[in-house]
Amino acid sequence: MSRNPIPADNWLNYHHLLYFWTVAETGGVSAAAKALRLTQSTVSTQIRTLEHSLGIELFKRAGRKLELTAKGRMVYGYASEIFSLGRELMSVARGDATGRARRLHVGVSVALPRLILHRLLAPALKLDEPFHVVCHEDRTEQLIDDLAMHSLDVVLTDAPVAGDARVRAANHFLGECGVSFVAAPELAKRIRDDFPRSVDGAPMLLPTEGTVLRRTLEDWFDRQSIRPRVVGEFADSALLSEFGQAGEGMFAAATVVAPQVEQTYNVSVVGQTDDIRARFYAITAQRRITHPAVEAIAGAKQGLFTNMAAPGLAAAP
C-alpha cells in the first residue's frame, strides 16, 4: 500500500501545543510551569517555538498579563478539542465509554436573551445524531471574528451582520416576535392599568446604545410620545434582567419567552406590543452549511416562534 508521508516540518508538536494550552488555561507562564513541572523558561521557549512553526503570534502582553490574540483563541479552541478527544480516546480504550457525540460550538451574543437560547438550539438537540453543545458567550463582534477563524460553528444573535462587515458571514433569519414590558410585581401593579401611557416617566432599564432593540424601543417611545426615565443601560441581557428583578425598573422581553421571564425573575408583565419586533439570527461563516446541527438551526423557521400576549392584556396600539 502506497503512503504519502507528511513532511516533517508540517508535523504539529503536541508537547508544544500542550504547553500553550496550559498557559491559556491557567492564565500565565508561571502557573503553567508549576502545573507541568517545568521551568518558566522552558515553557516560554517552547511556546515561542510553536509560534514560529505556526507562523502566528499566540499571546500579547496586557500590562503584566498575557492575553490570547485572535489567532491564539482559534488555536486554543482546536487545542481544547484535540485534548478532549485524547481523553475520550483513553476512556473508550479502557472500556469506560462507548462513543462520542459530535461537538457543536455555538457563539452566544451577550445581547441575546438567555431564555430564548434553548428555543433556538432545540432543532439541533432533537436530531437523531447526538451533539455535544459547547456555548461561548461574548460580544457579537468578537464572536464573528471567532467564527471567521473557524473556532465556532454558528453565532446566535439578535441582529444580522451588515453587508459591509469586514468579516465575510451569512445571515440566517430564525424568527421574530413582539415585545412585552415586565417589572417587579409592585412596580408592575402601579403602571399596568394605563399602559402604554404609564411608561411615560416610569423607571426603565434599557440595552446599551447602538443595539437593535435599543433603537426599536426608542422609535416606539417616539411614536407613542412617551419618555421613560432611564435608570440603567446594560450590554448583558442577563444582568439587565437581574436589575429588573431587584425592582430598579421595567425592561423589555421577547413576548415568546415572557412566561419564563416572569417565572425565572419573579416579575410581572406590564403590557405587550407587536409594534416592536425582537428578531433572532444564526450567523455562519459560509452561506452553504455543512454541519447538520447548524443546518437544523438555520432551517427551523416554521413554528419556532409564536406571538404570545400575556393573558388579559391588550396589545398596545
Foldseek 3Di string as FASTA:
>chain_A
DDDDDDPPLPDQDVVLLVLLLLCVVVFHLVVSCVVVVHDSVVSVVSVVVNCVSVVHDQWDDDDPTIDGDLVNVLSNLVSVVVVVVVVVVVCVVVVNDDDDAAEAEEEEELQDPPVLVCLLLVLLCPDPGHYDYHYDYDHPVSVLSNQLSVSHAKYKDQDDDDPPDPAAKDKFWQEKEWKFKKAAAVLLVVQQPDPPQSQAQFEEEEEDPPDPLRVLVVVVCVVVVGDYHYDYYHNGPVVSLQCRLVGRGIYMDGQQCVVVSCVVSVIDTSAIARSRMGTMIMMHNDPDRDDVSVVSSSPNRPPSGDHDTDPPHDHDD
